[in-house]
Amino acid sequence: MSDIVIAKRFPLSIVVFLVLVLLMASGAGAMMLVSHVRTLKVESKTFADSAVSGMAVDWTNQQLQQRLSPAAQARLKPADVNALAELRAKMGHFESDAGATGGLEDPLAHLFIGSPRATYEAKAIFVNGVAIFHLGMVKPDGRWLIDTYHIDVQYYGVPSPEEFNAAPGRNGALH
């Protein structure tokens, strides 16, 4: 009789064991996804912050082009090539930025379709104005790249010494 009781309970214990194993595996998979998304968020924010600082302070055109996605490089126009140097010349010395805000566009979509994507916006304060950097980024081969960017400039309109001296009523000297 005791053999029959053990036989009835044995299959139930196997089912319970398999359910527990399945739950633990699902939990581990979910933890791995959460960790992956968290890593992507940190990497994209770090890249966006360094890109804004580099664009605002000292990136050359070549350094910018090295950080553009192939699609962005294909869209690059000759007029865009000197845009950063012109921005810095007009805006004057870079003073500060508040860090980029934004994030991943769809944290899990890249698992099924394409590469991770993120969008960020950052305000950079210069001596002669403020520039708002809008970055669209993609991570095609394990490295974040700029896929789109746009810079909105709010120029304070501080005249250069030449413009100041050329104004009506000025005699060419700063008083």
Protein backbone atom coordinates (compact mmCIF):
# COMPACT_ATOMS: atom_id res chain seq x y z
CA MET A 1 0.00 0.00 0.00
CA SER A 2 2.80 2.40 0.80
CA ASP A 3 4.25 1.82 -2.67
CA ILE A 4 1.04 3.16 -4.25
CA VAL A 5 1.11 6.35 -2.12
CA ILE A 6 4.73 7.06 -3.08
CA ALA A 7 3.96 6.52 -6.78
CA LYS A 8 1.07 8.99 -6.66
CA ARG A 9 3.10 11.68 -4.91
CA PHE A 10 6.26 11.24 -6.99
CA PRO A 11 4.79 12.60 -10.25
CA LEU A 12 3.30 15.58 -8.39
CA SER A 13 6.69 16.45 -6.91
CA ILE A 14 8.25 16.34 -10.37
CA VAL A 15 5.60 18.75 -11.68
CA VAL A 16 6.18 21.13 -8.75
CA PHE A 17 9.93 20.92 -9.31
CA LEU A 18 9.59 21.68 -13.02
CA VAL A 19 7.28 24.63 -12.32
CA LEU A 20 9.79 26.06 -9.84
CA VAL A 21 12.64 25.62 -12.35
CA LEU A 22 10.56 27.36 -15.01
CA LEU A 23 9.73 30.26 -12.68
CA MET A 24 13.38 30.68 -11.71
CA ALA A 25 14.48 30.63 -15.35
CA SER A 26 11.83 33.22 -16.25
CA GLY A 27 12.93 35.42 -13.37
CA ALA A 28 16.57 35.14 -14.41
CA GLY A 29 15.65 36.04 -17.99
CA ALA A 30 13.67 39.07 -16.83
CA MET A 31 16.59 40.20 -14.64
CA MET A 32 18.94 39.90 -17.63
CA LEU A 33 16.60 42.06 -19.76
CA VAL A 34 16.31 44.68 -17.02
CA SER A 35 20.10 44.73 -16.65
CA HIS A 36 20.55 45.03 -20.43
CA VAL A 37 18.13 47.97 -20.67
CA ARG A 38 19.76 49.68 -17.68
CA THR A 39 23.18 49.29 -19.34
CA LEU A 40 21.88 50.75 -22.61
CA LYS A 41 20.42 53.74 -20.74
CA VAL A 42 23.69 54.47 -18.95
CA GLU A 43 25.77 54.06 -22.13
CA SER A 44 23.49 56.26 -24.23
CA LYS A 45 23.35 59.03 -21.58
CA THR A 46 27.14 58.95 -21.19
CA PHE A 47 27.62 59.17 -24.96
CA ALA A 48 25.09 62.02 -25.28
CA ASP A 49 26.77 64.02 -22.49
CA SER A 50 30.23 63.56 -24.00
CA ALA A 51 28.96 64.33 -27.52
CA VAL A 52 27.41 67.63 -26.42
CA SER A 53 30.55 68.62 -24.53
CA GLY A 54 32.74 67.65 -27.47
CA MET A 55 30.57 69.48 -30.00
CA ALA A 56 30.41 72.57 -27.80
CA VAL A 57 34.07 72.71 -26.82
CA ASP A 58 36.56 71.17 -29.18
CA TRP A 59 35.48 68.51 -31.66
CA THR A 60 36.91 69.04 -35.10
CA ASN A 61 34.83 68.24 -38.16
CA GLN A 62 36.76 65.00 -38.51
CA GLN A 63 36.02 64.01 -34.89
CA LEU A 64 32.32 64.66 -35.46
CA GLN A 65 32.31 62.62 -38.67
CA GLN A 66 33.96 59.70 -36.85
CA ARG A 67 30.99 59.66 -34.46
CA LEU A 68 28.29 59.84 -37.14
CA SER A 69 26.38 56.78 -38.28
CA PRO A 70 26.88 55.74 -41.92
CA ALA A 71 23.39 57.09 -42.72
CA ALA A 72 24.23 60.46 -41.12
CA GLN A 73 27.52 60.63 -43.03
CA ALA A 74 25.64 60.04 -46.27
CA ARG A 75 23.27 62.94 -45.47
CA LEU A 76 26.08 65.33 -44.52
CA LYS A 77 26.14 68.42 -46.74
CA PRO A 78 29.18 70.61 -47.43
CA ALA A 79 27.51 73.45 -45.52
CA ASP A 80 27.27 71.21 -42.43
CA VAL A 81 30.98 70.51 -42.31
CA ASN A 82 32.07 73.78 -40.68
CA ALA A 83 28.91 74.30 -38.62
CA LEU A 84 30.51 73.48 -35.26
CA ALA A 85 33.46 75.83 -35.77
CA GLU A 86 31.08 78.59 -36.89
CA LEU A 87 28.84 77.97 -33.89
CA ARG A 88 31.74 78.23 -31.45
CA ALA A 89 33.11 81.34 -33.20
CA LYS A 90 29.77 83.12 -32.95
CA MET A 91 28.78 81.91 -29.50
CA GLY A 92 32.13 82.50 -27.83
CA HIS A 93 33.59 80.49 -24.99
CA PHE A 94 31.62 77.50 -23.70
CA GLU A 95 30.62 78.00 -20.08
CA SER A 96 28.50 75.03 -18.98
CA ASP A 97 25.78 72.55 -19.74
CA ALA A 98 23.15 70.93 -17.57
CA GLY A 99 23.56 67.43 -18.97
CA ALA A 100 21.50 65.66 -21.56
CA THR A 101 17.91 64.60 -20.96
CA GLY A 102 16.07 61.92 -22.89
CA GLY A 103 16.51 58.21 -23.23
CA LEU A 104 15.97 55.05 -25.20
CA GLU A 105 13.21 55.24 -27.80
CA ASP A 106 11.93 51.69 -27.32
CA PRO A 107 14.11 49.76 -24.90
CA LEU A 108 13.28 46.25 -26.13
CA ALA A 109 12.46 46.79 -29.81
CA HIS A 110 16.08 46.27 -30.86
CA LEU A 111 15.83 42.67 -29.68
CA PHE A 112 13.47 42.06 -32.59
CA ILE A 113 14.08 44.91 -35.04
CA GLY A 114 17.36 46.70 -35.74
CA SER A 115 19.66 48.51 -33.33
CA PRO A 116 18.99 50.35 -30.06
CA ARG A 117 18.02 54.00 -30.59
CA ALA A 118 17.94 56.97 -28.24
CA THR A 119 17.09 60.66 -28.36
CA TYR A 120 18.57 63.32 -26.13
CA GLU A 121 18.46 67.08 -25.74
CA ALA A 122 21.01 69.24 -23.94
CA LYS A 123 21.40 72.96 -23.32
CA ALA A 124 24.90 74.40 -23.61
CA ILE A 125 25.57 77.89 -22.28
CA PHE A 126 28.12 80.05 -24.07
CA VAL A 127 29.31 83.59 -23.42
CA ASN A 128 27.16 84.98 -26.26
CA GLY A 129 24.13 82.70 -26.08
CA VAL A 130 22.60 79.30 -25.56
CA ALA A 131 22.63 76.32 -27.89
CA ILE A 132 20.15 73.46 -27.59
CA PHE A 133 21.59 70.23 -29.00
CA HIS A 134 19.09 67.64 -30.26
CA LEU A 135 20.69 64.23 -30.79
CA GLY A 136 19.23 61.09 -32.32
CA MET A 137 21.57 58.18 -31.66
CA VAL A 138 21.88 54.58 -32.78
CA LYS A 139 24.05 51.67 -31.63
CA PRO A 140 24.48 49.49 -34.73
CA ASP A 141 27.63 47.52 -33.93
CA GLY A 142 28.15 47.86 -30.20
CA ARG A 143 29.11 51.55 -30.37
CA TRP A 144 26.79 54.55 -29.97
CA LEU A 145 26.81 56.91 -32.97
CA ILE A 146 25.00 60.13 -33.81
CA ASP A 147 22.33 59.44 -36.41
CA THR A 148 20.70 62.87 -36.46
CA TYR A 149 21.54 66.16 -34.81
CA HIS A 150 20.20 69.65 -34.83
CA ILE A 151 21.35 72.70 -32.92
CA ASP A 152 18.95 75.51 -32.00
CA VAL A 153 20.83 78.71 -31.20
CA GLN A 154 19.58 81.52 -29.01
CA TYR A 155 22.09 84.28 -29.65
CA TYR A 156 22.28 87.07 -27.08
CA GLY A 157 23.25 89.47 -29.84
CA VAL A 158 26.33 90.84 -28.11
CA PRO A 159 28.13 92.84 -30.80
CA SER A 160 31.73 92.20 -31.62
CA PRO A 161 34.10 95.15 -31.07
CA GLU A 162 34.04 95.80 -34.83
CA GLU A 163 30.22 95.82 -34.91
CA PHE A 164 30.12 98.02 -31.82
CA ASN A 165 32.56 100.54 -33.25
CA ALA A 166 30.73 100.63 -36.59
CA ALA A 167 27.39 101.50 -34.94
CA PRO A 168 25.97 105.00 -35.65
CA GLY A 169 27.39 107.61 -33.30
CA ARG A 170 30.51 105.65 -32.47
CA ASN A 171 33.93 106.97 -33.40
CA GLY A 172 35.73 103.65 -33.48
CA ALA A 173 36.79 103.62 -29.83
CA LEU A 174 35.30 101.75 -26.95
CA HIS A 175 34.30 104.22 -24.25
